[in-house]
Amino acid sequence: MVVCADEAVARTVRLLRNQGMERRYANEIVGYNMRMTDLHAAIGRVQLDALPDRTEQRRRNAAFLGSELAGTGVVVPPTAPGAAPVWHQYTVRAPDRDRLRSRLADRGVGTGVYYPTPIHRLPAYALTLDLPVTEQAAAEVLSLPVHPALSQAQLDHVVAAVAWAVAR
């Protein structure tokens, strides 16, 4: 689903999803076959109804993680005043990320490393830049579970596991 306020952008997205055409066999641009089935749309509509509650649960989970992990040795993500993140990911920074990740796995805590390569280092951009802060962030980021299905016991376990792993 794409939502936008610009009719030209909306039309382009519709063209892209339907092989570049509005009228059959009148392809205006190179597009893709990305049409959703009725079944997928029905499921998606039900999922959208649940989105506000799931987002609020993610926010509660992130607030708990932030308050409980502060001072453990990982850097919790800051939130700008007035911001209301949805916390699709809860990404902390840890100087020895890979060791922490391994220890958390030993305790049954799943983690993710998203965007391990800084954008300027990706072949698609082929940039020769010296961005040491970006390089350091890419080497330190680690995402912890924050999804709305986590129980309080699971959140407590994540916090305890992080504290244990950092202390060792």
N, C-alpha and C. Protein backbone atom coordinates (compact mmCIF):
# COMPACT_ATOMS: atom_id res chain seq x y z
N MET A 1 0.85 -1.16 0.00
CA MET A 1 0.00 0.00 0.00
C MET A 1 0.89 1.22 0.00
N VAL A 2 0.53 2.17 -0.80
CA VAL A 2 1.24 3.44 -0.85
C VAL A 2 0.22 4.54 -0.61
N VAL A 3 0.57 5.45 0.28
CA VAL A 3 -0.28 6.59 0.56
C VAL A 3 0.53 7.83 0.28
N CYS A 4 -0.02 8.74 -0.50
CA CYS A 4 0.69 9.99 -0.76
C CYS A 4 -0.31 11.10 -1.06
N ALA A 5 0.15 12.32 -0.99
CA ALA A 5 -0.73 13.48 -1.20
C ALA A 5 -0.53 14.10 -2.57
N ASP A 6 0.31 13.52 -3.38
CA ASP A 6 0.63 14.09 -4.69
C ASP A 6 0.05 13.17 -5.77
N GLU A 7 -0.88 13.68 -6.55
CA GLU A 7 -1.55 12.85 -7.55
C GLU A 7 -0.57 12.34 -8.60
N ALA A 8 0.43 13.13 -8.97
CA ALA A 8 1.40 12.67 -9.97
C ALA A 8 2.21 11.49 -9.43
N VAL A 9 2.60 11.55 -8.17
CA VAL A 9 3.33 10.44 -7.56
C VAL A 9 2.42 9.22 -7.47
N ALA A 10 1.17 9.42 -7.07
CA ALA A 10 0.22 8.31 -6.96
C ALA A 10 0.04 7.64 -8.32
N ARG A 11 -0.07 8.43 -9.37
CA ARG A 11 -0.24 7.84 -10.71
C ARG A 11 1.00 7.04 -11.11
N THR A 12 2.17 7.57 -10.84
CA THR A 12 3.41 6.85 -11.17
C THR A 12 3.46 5.53 -10.43
N VAL A 13 3.09 5.53 -9.17
CA VAL A 13 3.09 4.28 -8.39
C VAL A 13 2.10 3.29 -8.98
N ARG A 14 0.92 3.78 -9.36
CA ARG A 14 -0.06 2.87 -9.99
C ARG A 14 0.49 2.29 -11.29
N LEU A 15 1.18 3.11 -12.07
CA LEU A 15 1.79 2.61 -13.30
C LEU A 15 2.86 1.55 -12.99
N LEU A 16 3.69 1.84 -12.03
CA LEU A 16 4.77 0.91 -11.68
C LEU A 16 4.23 -0.44 -11.22
N ARG A 17 3.13 -0.43 -10.48
CA ARG A 17 2.60 -1.69 -9.94
C ARG A 17 1.91 -2.53 -11.00
N ASN A 18 1.50 -1.91 -12.11
CA ASN A 18 0.70 -2.60 -13.12
C ASN A 18 1.40 -2.58 -14.48
N GLN A 19 2.64 -2.99 -14.48
CA GLN A 19 3.42 -3.16 -15.71
C GLN A 19 3.49 -1.89 -16.55
N GLY A 20 3.38 -0.73 -15.89
CA GLY A 20 3.56 0.54 -16.58
C GLY A 20 2.36 1.00 -17.38
N MET A 21 1.19 0.45 -17.08
CA MET A 21 0.03 0.83 -17.90
C MET A 21 -1.21 1.09 -17.05
N GLU A 22 -2.01 2.04 -17.54
CA GLU A 22 -3.35 2.25 -16.99
C GLU A 22 -4.36 1.55 -17.88
N ARG A 23 -4.14 1.70 -19.19
CA ARG A 23 -4.99 0.99 -20.15
C ARG A 23 -4.25 -0.24 -20.64
N ARG A 24 -4.97 -1.32 -20.77
CA ARG A 24 -4.37 -2.59 -21.15
C ARG A 24 -3.55 -2.48 -22.43
N TYR A 25 -2.32 -2.95 -22.34
CA TYR A 25 -1.35 -2.99 -23.43
C TYR A 25 -0.95 -1.61 -23.94
N ALA A 26 -1.14 -0.60 -23.14
CA ALA A 26 -0.68 0.75 -23.49
C ALA A 26 0.36 1.16 -22.45
N ASN A 27 1.47 0.43 -22.42
CA ASN A 27 2.51 0.66 -21.43
C ASN A 27 3.15 2.03 -21.64
N GLU A 28 3.08 2.86 -20.61
CA GLU A 28 3.66 4.20 -20.67
C GLU A 28 5.09 4.21 -20.15
N ILE A 29 5.39 3.35 -19.18
CA ILE A 29 6.72 3.24 -18.61
C ILE A 29 7.00 1.76 -18.37
N VAL A 30 8.25 1.44 -18.09
CA VAL A 30 8.58 0.08 -17.71
C VAL A 30 8.10 -0.09 -16.26
N GLY A 31 7.24 -1.07 -16.05
CA GLY A 31 6.70 -1.28 -14.72
C GLY A 31 6.87 -2.71 -14.28
N TYR A 32 6.12 -3.09 -13.26
CA TYR A 32 6.23 -4.40 -12.65
C TYR A 32 4.84 -4.99 -12.44
N ASN A 33 4.80 -6.26 -12.14
CA ASN A 33 3.54 -6.90 -11.80
C ASN A 33 3.47 -6.97 -10.28
N MET A 34 2.96 -5.92 -9.67
CA MET A 34 2.91 -5.83 -8.21
C MET A 34 1.49 -5.60 -7.72
N ARG A 35 0.56 -6.14 -8.43
CA ARG A 35 -0.84 -5.98 -8.01
C ARG A 35 -1.13 -6.94 -6.87
N MET A 36 -1.93 -6.48 -5.96
CA MET A 36 -2.30 -7.26 -4.79
C MET A 36 -3.57 -8.06 -5.11
N THR A 37 -3.60 -9.29 -4.63
CA THR A 37 -4.82 -10.08 -4.81
C THR A 37 -5.89 -9.58 -3.84
N ASP A 38 -7.14 -9.93 -4.12
CA ASP A 38 -8.23 -9.55 -3.22
C ASP A 38 -8.02 -10.13 -1.83
N LEU A 39 -7.52 -11.36 -1.77
CA LEU A 39 -7.27 -11.99 -0.48
C LEU A 39 -6.21 -11.22 0.31
N HIS A 40 -5.12 -10.85 -0.34
CA HIS A 40 -4.09 -10.07 0.33
C HIS A 40 -4.64 -8.72 0.78
N ALA A 41 -5.45 -8.11 -0.03
CA ALA A 41 -6.04 -6.81 0.33
C ALA A 41 -6.95 -6.97 1.55
N ALA A 42 -7.74 -8.02 1.60
CA ALA A 42 -8.64 -8.24 2.74
C ALA A 42 -7.84 -8.44 4.03
N ILE A 43 -6.78 -9.22 3.94
CA ILE A 43 -5.92 -9.42 5.11
C ILE A 43 -5.27 -8.11 5.51
N GLY A 44 -4.80 -7.37 4.53
CA GLY A 44 -4.17 -6.08 4.81
C GLY A 44 -5.10 -5.10 5.49
N ARG A 45 -6.35 -5.07 5.09
CA ARG A 45 -7.32 -4.16 5.73
C ARG A 45 -7.52 -4.53 7.19
N VAL A 46 -7.59 -5.82 7.49
CA VAL A 46 -7.72 -6.24 8.88
C VAL A 46 -6.47 -5.85 9.67
N GLN A 47 -5.31 -6.06 9.06
CA GLN A 47 -4.06 -5.69 9.72
C GLN A 47 -4.01 -4.18 10.00
N LEU A 48 -4.50 -3.38 9.08
CA LEU A 48 -4.52 -1.93 9.30
C LEU A 48 -5.36 -1.55 10.50
N ASP A 49 -6.46 -2.26 10.73
CA ASP A 49 -7.29 -1.99 11.90
C ASP A 49 -6.52 -2.21 13.20
N ALA A 50 -5.61 -3.17 13.19
CA ALA A 50 -4.83 -3.49 14.39
C ALA A 50 -3.60 -2.59 14.56
N LEU A 51 -3.27 -1.82 13.53
CA LEU A 51 -2.03 -1.04 13.55
C LEU A 51 -1.92 -0.06 14.72
N PRO A 52 -2.93 0.73 15.03
CA PRO A 52 -2.77 1.67 16.16
C PRO A 52 -2.44 0.98 17.48
N ASP A 53 -3.11 -0.11 17.79
CA ASP A 53 -2.83 -0.82 19.04
C ASP A 53 -1.43 -1.43 19.02
N ARG A 54 -1.03 -1.98 17.90
CA ARG A 54 0.30 -2.59 17.80
C ARG A 54 1.39 -1.52 17.90
N THR A 55 1.14 -0.38 17.29
CA THR A 55 2.11 0.71 17.38
C THR A 55 2.24 1.18 18.82
N GLU A 56 1.13 1.32 19.50
CA GLU A 56 1.18 1.75 20.90
C GLU A 56 1.92 0.73 21.77
N GLN A 57 1.72 -0.55 21.49
CA GLN A 57 2.45 -1.57 22.26
C GLN A 57 3.94 -1.50 21.98
N ARG A 58 4.32 -1.27 20.73
CA ARG A 58 5.74 -1.10 20.40
C ARG A 58 6.32 0.08 21.17
N ARG A 59 5.56 1.17 21.25
CA ARG A 59 6.03 2.35 21.99
C ARG A 59 6.22 2.04 23.47
N ARG A 60 5.29 1.30 24.04
CA ARG A 60 5.45 0.90 25.45
C ARG A 60 6.67 0.01 25.63
N ASN A 61 6.85 -0.95 24.70
CA ASN A 61 8.01 -1.84 24.78
C ASN A 61 9.31 -1.05 24.66
N ALA A 62 9.35 -0.11 23.73
CA ALA A 62 10.56 0.70 23.55
C ALA A 62 10.83 1.56 24.78
N ALA A 63 9.78 2.13 25.36
CA ALA A 63 9.96 2.95 26.56
C ALA A 63 10.51 2.10 27.70
N PHE A 64 10.01 0.89 27.83
CA PHE A 64 10.51 -0.01 28.87
C PHE A 64 11.98 -0.34 28.63
N LEU A 65 12.31 -0.72 27.39
CA LEU A 65 13.70 -1.05 27.08
C LEU A 65 14.60 0.14 27.34
N GLY A 66 14.17 1.32 26.92
CA GLY A 66 14.99 2.51 27.11
C GLY A 66 15.26 2.80 28.57
N SER A 67 14.23 2.68 29.39
CA SER A 67 14.43 2.98 30.82
C SER A 67 15.25 1.90 31.51
N GLU A 68 15.05 0.65 31.13
CA GLU A 68 15.75 -0.45 31.81
C GLU A 68 17.17 -0.68 31.31
N LEU A 69 17.43 -0.31 30.07
CA LEU A 69 18.77 -0.54 29.51
C LEU A 69 19.72 0.64 29.74
N ALA A 70 19.18 1.79 30.09
CA ALA A 70 20.04 2.95 30.37
C ALA A 70 21.01 2.58 31.48
N GLY A 71 22.28 2.84 31.23
CA GLY A 71 23.29 2.55 32.24
C GLY A 71 23.84 1.14 32.21
N THR A 72 23.41 0.32 31.25
CA THR A 72 23.91 -1.05 31.18
C THR A 72 25.18 -1.18 30.35
N GLY A 73 25.52 -0.13 29.63
CA GLY A 73 26.70 -0.20 28.76
C GLY A 73 26.34 -0.17 27.29
N VAL A 74 25.07 -0.26 26.96
CA VAL A 74 24.65 -0.04 25.58
C VAL A 74 24.06 1.36 25.50
N VAL A 75 24.15 1.95 24.34
CA VAL A 75 23.59 3.28 24.12
C VAL A 75 22.20 3.10 23.55
N VAL A 76 21.20 3.56 24.29
CA VAL A 76 19.81 3.43 23.84
C VAL A 76 19.50 4.55 22.85
N PRO A 77 18.56 4.32 21.95
CA PRO A 77 18.26 5.34 20.94
C PRO A 77 17.57 6.55 21.57
N PRO A 78 18.04 7.74 21.23
CA PRO A 78 17.38 8.94 21.74
C PRO A 78 16.10 9.22 20.96
N THR A 79 15.20 9.93 21.57
CA THR A 79 13.98 10.36 20.90
C THR A 79 13.91 11.88 20.98
N ALA A 80 13.76 12.51 19.86
CA ALA A 80 13.68 13.97 19.83
C ALA A 80 12.41 14.44 20.52
N PRO A 81 12.47 15.58 21.18
CA PRO A 81 11.27 16.12 21.82
C PRO A 81 10.13 16.26 20.81
N GLY A 82 8.97 15.81 21.19
CA GLY A 82 7.81 15.91 20.32
C GLY A 82 7.69 14.79 19.29
N ALA A 83 8.72 13.95 19.18
CA ALA A 83 8.69 12.85 18.21
C ALA A 83 7.89 11.69 18.79
N ALA A 84 7.26 10.92 17.91
CA ALA A 84 6.51 9.74 18.32
C ALA A 84 6.87 8.57 17.41
N PRO A 85 8.08 8.00 17.58
CA PRO A 85 8.50 6.91 16.70
C PRO A 85 7.59 5.70 16.83
N VAL A 86 7.50 4.91 15.77
CA VAL A 86 6.70 3.69 15.81
C VAL A 86 7.53 2.49 16.25
N TRP A 87 8.84 2.65 16.32
CA TRP A 87 9.76 1.61 16.79
C TRP A 87 9.62 0.32 16.01
N HIS A 88 9.73 0.45 14.69
CA HIS A 88 9.79 -0.74 13.84
C HIS A 88 11.00 -1.58 14.27
N GLN A 89 12.06 -0.90 14.64
CA GLN A 89 13.26 -1.54 15.18
C GLN A 89 13.65 -0.78 16.44
N TYR A 90 14.25 -1.48 17.38
CA TYR A 90 14.80 -0.84 18.56
C TYR A 90 16.30 -1.09 18.51
N THR A 91 17.03 -0.09 18.03
CA THR A 91 18.44 -0.26 17.74
C THR A 91 19.30 0.46 18.77
N VAL A 92 20.10 -0.32 19.46
CA VAL A 92 21.06 0.22 20.43
C VAL A 92 22.43 0.25 19.78
N ARG A 93 23.36 0.89 20.46
CA ARG A 93 24.75 0.86 20.00
C ARG A 93 25.60 0.22 21.09
N ALA A 94 26.48 -0.65 20.66
CA ALA A 94 27.38 -1.35 21.58
C ALA A 94 28.77 -1.40 20.95
N PRO A 95 29.78 -0.92 21.67
CA PRO A 95 31.14 -0.91 21.11
C PRO A 95 31.63 -2.27 20.64
N ASP A 96 31.25 -3.33 21.34
CA ASP A 96 31.66 -4.69 20.93
C ASP A 96 30.41 -5.45 20.51
N ARG A 97 29.75 -4.94 19.48
CA ARG A 97 28.46 -5.44 19.04
C ARG A 97 28.44 -6.93 18.75
N ASP A 98 29.40 -7.42 18.03
CA ASP A 98 29.37 -8.83 17.63
C ASP A 98 29.49 -9.78 18.81
N ARG A 99 30.30 -9.41 19.78
CA ARG A 99 30.40 -10.22 21.00
C ARG A 99 29.09 -10.18 21.78
N LEU A 100 28.51 -8.98 21.89
CA LEU A 100 27.22 -8.84 22.57
C LEU A 100 26.16 -9.67 21.86
N ARG A 101 26.14 -9.61 20.56
CA ARG A 101 25.15 -10.36 19.78
C ARG A 101 25.28 -11.86 20.03
N SER A 102 26.50 -12.34 20.06
CA SER A 102 26.75 -13.76 20.30
C SER A 102 26.28 -14.17 21.70
N ARG A 103 26.58 -13.35 22.67
CA ARG A 103 26.16 -13.66 24.04
C ARG A 103 24.65 -13.62 24.20
N LEU A 104 24.01 -12.68 23.53
CA LEU A 104 22.55 -12.62 23.58
C LEU A 104 21.94 -13.86 22.92
N ALA A 105 22.53 -14.30 21.83
CA ALA A 105 22.05 -15.52 21.18
C ALA A 105 22.17 -16.71 22.13
N ASP A 106 23.25 -16.75 22.90
CA ASP A 106 23.41 -17.83 23.89
C ASP A 106 22.30 -17.81 24.93
N ARG A 107 21.72 -16.65 25.17
CA ARG A 107 20.63 -16.50 26.14
C ARG A 107 19.26 -16.55 25.47
N GLY A 108 19.23 -16.87 24.18
CA GLY A 108 17.96 -17.00 23.48
C GLY A 108 17.33 -15.70 23.05
N VAL A 109 18.11 -14.63 22.97
CA VAL A 109 17.59 -13.34 22.54
C VAL A 109 18.00 -13.10 21.09
N GLY A 110 17.01 -13.04 20.23
CA GLY A 110 17.28 -12.76 18.83
C GLY A 110 17.61 -11.29 18.63
N THR A 111 18.51 -11.02 17.72
CA THR A 111 18.90 -9.65 17.41
C THR A 111 19.01 -9.50 15.90
N GLY A 112 19.14 -8.29 15.45
CA GLY A 112 19.35 -8.03 14.04
C GLY A 112 20.38 -6.94 13.87
N VAL A 113 21.14 -7.04 12.80
CA VAL A 113 22.06 -5.98 12.43
C VAL A 113 21.58 -5.46 11.08
N TYR A 114 20.92 -4.31 11.14
CA TYR A 114 20.39 -3.72 9.92
C TYR A 114 21.35 -2.66 9.41
N TYR A 115 21.55 -2.66 8.14
CA TYR A 115 22.42 -1.69 7.48
C TYR A 115 23.85 -1.75 8.02
N PRO A 116 24.47 -2.94 7.94
CA PRO A 116 25.83 -3.08 8.47
C PRO A 116 26.87 -2.36 7.61
N THR A 117 26.52 -2.05 6.38
CA THR A 117 27.44 -1.33 5.50
C THR A 117 26.94 0.09 5.33
N PRO A 118 27.76 1.06 5.65
CA PRO A 118 27.33 2.45 5.44
C PRO A 118 26.99 2.70 3.97
N ILE A 119 26.01 3.53 3.74
CA ILE A 119 25.53 3.77 2.37
C ILE A 119 26.66 4.21 1.46
N HIS A 120 27.56 5.03 1.94
CA HIS A 120 28.62 5.52 1.06
C HIS A 120 29.60 4.41 0.67
N ARG A 121 29.53 3.26 1.32
CA ARG A 121 30.40 2.13 0.99
C ARG A 121 29.73 1.12 0.07
N LEU A 122 28.46 1.29 -0.21
CA LEU A 122 27.76 0.36 -1.08
C LEU A 122 28.18 0.57 -2.53
N PRO A 123 28.34 -0.51 -3.28
CA PRO A 123 28.77 -0.39 -4.68
C PRO A 123 27.83 0.49 -5.53
N ALA A 124 26.56 0.51 -5.20
CA ALA A 124 25.61 1.30 -5.99
C ALA A 124 25.93 2.79 -5.94
N TYR A 125 26.57 3.24 -4.87
CA TYR A 125 26.87 4.67 -4.74
C TYR A 125 28.31 4.98 -5.11
N ALA A 126 29.21 4.04 -4.91
CA ALA A 126 30.62 4.19 -5.31
C ALA A 126 31.20 5.53 -4.87
N LEU A 127 30.99 5.88 -3.60
CA LEU A 127 31.51 7.14 -3.09
C LEU A 127 32.80 6.90 -2.31
N THR A 128 33.73 7.79 -2.47
CA THR A 128 34.97 7.74 -1.73
C THR A 128 34.93 8.87 -0.71
N LEU A 129 34.42 8.55 0.45
CA LEU A 129 34.26 9.54 1.51
C LEU A 129 34.87 9.02 2.80
N ASP A 130 35.33 9.91 3.62
CA ASP A 130 35.83 9.56 4.94
C ASP A 130 34.76 9.99 5.94
N LEU A 131 33.97 9.05 6.42
CA LEU A 131 32.88 9.33 7.35
C LEU A 131 33.06 8.44 8.58
N PRO A 132 34.00 8.79 9.46
CA PRO A 132 34.32 7.91 10.58
C PRO A 132 33.17 7.70 11.57
N VAL A 133 32.33 8.68 11.78
CA VAL A 133 31.21 8.51 12.70
C VAL A 133 30.19 7.54 12.11
N THR A 134 29.96 7.64 10.83
CA THR A 134 29.07 6.72 10.14
C THR A 134 29.62 5.30 10.19
N GLU A 135 30.91 5.16 9.94
CA GLU A 135 31.56 3.85 9.99
C GLU A 135 31.43 3.24 11.39
N GLN A 136 31.64 4.06 12.41
CA GLN A 136 31.54 3.56 13.78
C GLN A 136 30.11 3.14 14.10
N ALA A 137 29.14 3.94 13.70
CA ALA A 137 27.74 3.59 13.96
C ALA A 137 27.38 2.27 13.29
N ALA A 138 27.81 2.10 12.05
CA ALA A 138 27.50 0.85 11.33
C ALA A 138 28.12 -0.36 12.02
N ALA A 139 29.24 -0.17 12.68
CA ALA A 139 29.91 -1.28 13.37
C ALA A 139 29.31 -1.56 14.74
N GLU A 140 28.51 -0.63 15.27
CA GLU A 140 28.01 -0.77 16.63
C GLU A 140 26.51 -1.06 16.74
N VAL A 141 25.74 -0.85 15.69
CA VAL A 141 24.29 -0.96 15.82
C VAL A 141 23.83 -2.41 15.98
N LEU A 142 22.84 -2.57 16.86
CA LEU A 142 22.27 -3.89 17.13
C LEU A 142 20.81 -3.69 17.50
N SER A 143 19.92 -4.34 16.77
CA SER A 143 18.49 -4.19 17.04
C SER A 143 18.01 -5.32 17.94
N LEU A 144 17.27 -4.92 18.97
CA LEU A 144 16.71 -5.84 19.95
C LEU A 144 15.23 -6.04 19.69
N PRO A 145 14.65 -7.12 20.18
CA PRO A 145 13.21 -7.35 19.99
C PRO A 145 12.38 -6.22 20.61
N VAL A 146 11.41 -5.75 19.86
CA VAL A 146 10.52 -4.69 20.34
C VAL A 146 9.08 -4.94 19.87
N HIS A 147 8.87 -6.01 19.13
CA HIS A 147 7.58 -6.25 18.49
C HIS A 147 6.44 -6.32 19.51
N PRO A 148 5.22 -6.05 19.06
CA PRO A 148 4.09 -5.94 20.00
C PRO A 148 3.66 -7.24 20.65
N ALA A 149 4.12 -8.38 20.18
CA ALA A 149 3.71 -9.65 20.78
C ALA A 149 4.57 -10.05 21.99
N LEU A 150 5.58 -9.26 22.31
CA LEU A 150 6.43 -9.59 23.44
C LEU A 150 5.67 -9.49 24.75
N SER A 151 5.85 -10.48 25.59
CA SER A 151 5.25 -10.43 26.93
C SER A 151 6.19 -9.64 27.85
N GLN A 152 5.67 -9.27 29.00
CA GLN A 152 6.53 -8.58 29.97
C GLN A 152 7.68 -9.48 30.41
N ALA A 153 7.42 -10.76 30.55
CA ALA A 153 8.48 -11.69 30.93
C ALA A 153 9.57 -11.73 29.86
N GLN A 154 9.18 -11.68 28.59
CA GLN A 154 10.17 -11.68 27.52
C GLN A 154 10.98 -10.38 27.51
N LEU A 155 10.31 -9.26 27.74
CA LEU A 155 11.03 -7.99 27.83
C LEU A 155 12.02 -8.01 29.00
N ASP A 156 11.56 -8.52 30.13
CA ASP A 156 12.45 -8.64 31.29
C ASP A 156 13.66 -9.52 30.95
N HIS A 157 13.42 -10.58 30.22
CA HIS A 157 14.51 -11.48 29.82
C HIS A 157 15.51 -10.76 28.91
N VAL A 158 15.02 -9.97 27.97
CA VAL A 158 15.91 -9.22 27.08
C VAL A 158 16.79 -8.29 27.91
N VAL A 159 16.18 -7.55 28.82
CA VAL A 159 16.93 -6.62 29.65
C VAL A 159 17.98 -7.35 30.49
N ALA A 160 17.57 -8.43 31.13
CA ALA A 160 18.51 -9.20 31.96
C ALA A 160 19.64 -9.77 31.12
N ALA A 161 19.31 -10.25 29.93
CA ALA A 161 20.33 -10.83 29.05
C ALA A 161 21.33 -9.77 28.59
N VAL A 162 20.85 -8.58 28.26
CA VAL A 162 21.75 -7.51 27.85
C VAL A 162 22.65 -7.14 29.01
N ALA A 163 22.08 -6.95 30.20
CA ALA A 163 22.89 -6.59 31.36
C ALA A 163 23.94 -7.67 31.65
N TRP A 164 23.54 -8.94 31.57
CA TRP A 164 24.48 -10.04 31.79
C TRP A 164 25.58 -10.04 30.73
N ALA A 165 25.19 -9.90 29.47
CA ALA A 165 26.16 -9.99 28.37
C ALA A 165 27.16 -8.85 28.39
N VAL A 166 26.71 -7.66 28.74
CA VAL A 166 27.61 -6.51 28.78
C VAL A 166 28.57 -6.62 29.95
N ALA A 167 28.10 -7.16 31.05
CA ALA A 167 28.93 -7.26 32.27
C ALA A 167 30.03 -8.29 32.16
N ARG A 168 29.96 -9.21 31.21
CA ARG A 168 30.94 -10.29 31.10
C ARG A 168 32.03 -9.96 30.14
